[in-house]
Every structure is written in structure tokens, then in C-alpha cells.
Amino acid sequence: MNIVDQYDALRSRRPYKAGLDHESVVNILTAGDVRTTLKHFDPHVFEAFMRSSGMFREIYEARRDNVG
């Protein structure tokens, strides 16, 4: 599930970068940038992600303080 890994990587703060907010990450996954393009994702998986992206936000927000 490459899209889940991409979402987490873009949202998470790392020593070399700040974490991004949900809307920015969805925009990057949708429009693409130097890190990723829409071609990286199975179209059916991407469609399912878009339908459930609100749940991704909720889960990430609820769990981010419990990670690391």
C-alpha cells in the first residue's frame, strides 16, 4: 500500500523536514510533485484513498502522539 506509506511520510516530521498538514498531503498525492506522481498508485487504490481520506486524517491525528 504505497499510498499509505506516502501519506505517513509526508505527514510525519523528520529530522530533515517538517510534517505537512492533511490538505497539503492530499494535494501532493493528487497533483504530484518532485516526491510522487499519481502514476505511482493503482487507480482503484487511489480512488479508495480519496473516498476515505477523512478517516486517514482522523486516524493520523488520533495516533500521532503515540508514535515514536
Protein backbone atom coordinates (compact mmCIF):
# COMPACT_ATOMS: atom_id res chain seq x y z
CA MET A 1 0.00 0.00 0.00
CA ASN A 2 2.37 2.63 -1.29
CA ILE A 3 -0.19 5.39 -0.81
CA VAL A 4 -0.37 4.78 2.95
CA ASP A 5 3.42 4.95 3.21
CA GLN A 6 3.49 8.15 1.15
CA TYR A 7 0.75 9.72 3.28
CA ASP A 8 2.58 8.89 6.51
CA ALA A 9 5.95 10.05 5.19
CA LEU A 10 4.54 13.39 4.08
CA ARG A 11 2.59 13.96 7.31
CA SER A 12 5.39 12.94 9.67
CA ARG A 13 8.06 15.28 10.97
CA ARG A 14 11.56 14.04 10.28
CA PRO A 15 14.93 15.46 11.37
CA TYR A 16 15.36 16.86 7.86
CA LYS A 17 11.82 18.18 7.25
CA ALA A 18 8.63 19.40 8.87
CA GLY A 19 5.46 17.34 8.67
CA LEU A 20 2.69 18.57 6.38
CA ASP A 21 -0.98 19.04 7.14
CA HIS A 22 -3.61 16.70 5.70
CA GLU A 23 -4.80 19.09 2.97
CA SER A 24 -1.25 19.65 1.70
CA VAL A 25 -0.59 15.92 1.59
CA VAL A 26 -3.81 15.17 -0.31
CA ASN A 27 -2.93 17.94 -2.76
CA ILE A 28 0.55 16.48 -3.32
CA LEU A 29 -0.83 12.97 -3.78
CA THR A 30 -3.45 14.27 -6.21
CA ALA A 31 -1.41 16.78 -8.21
CA GLY A 32 2.02 15.25 -7.77
CA ASP A 33 5.32 16.98 -7.11
CA VAL A 34 9.01 16.05 -7.06
CA ARG A 35 8.33 13.37 -4.41
CA THR A 36 5.49 11.49 -6.06
CA THR A 37 3.11 11.37 -9.00
CA LEU A 38 -0.35 9.95 -9.45
CA LYS A 39 1.19 7.23 -11.66
CA HIS A 40 2.75 5.70 -8.54
CA PHE A 41 -0.65 4.49 -7.32
CA ASP A 42 -3.08 1.89 -8.53
CA PRO A 43 -6.12 3.90 -9.71
CA HIS A 44 -8.54 1.78 -7.67
CA VAL A 45 -6.46 2.14 -4.52
CA PHE A 46 -6.16 5.89 -5.08
CA GLU A 47 -9.92 6.18 -5.54
CA ALA A 48 -10.47 4.29 -2.28
CA PHE A 49 -7.96 6.58 -0.54
CA MET A 50 -9.79 9.67 -1.75
CA ARG A 51 -13.14 8.31 -0.56
CA SER A 52 -11.69 7.62 2.87
CA SER A 53 -9.12 10.41 3.21
CA GLY A 54 -11.10 11.93 6.09
CA MET A 55 -10.56 8.72 8.03
CA PHE A 56 -6.82 8.93 7.30
CA ARG A 57 -6.82 12.40 8.85
CA GLU A 58 -8.76 11.23 11.93
CA ILE A 59 -6.55 8.18 12.49
CA TYR A 60 -3.33 10.14 11.99
CA GLU A 61 -4.43 12.93 14.33
CA ALA A 62 -5.54 10.44 17.00
CA ARG A 63 -2.36 8.35 16.84
CA ARG A 64 0.45 10.79 16.04
CA ASP A 65 1.32 11.50 19.67
CA ASN A 66 1.55 7.75 20.36
CA VAL A 67 4.21 7.08 17.70
CA GLY A 68 7.94 7.31 18.18
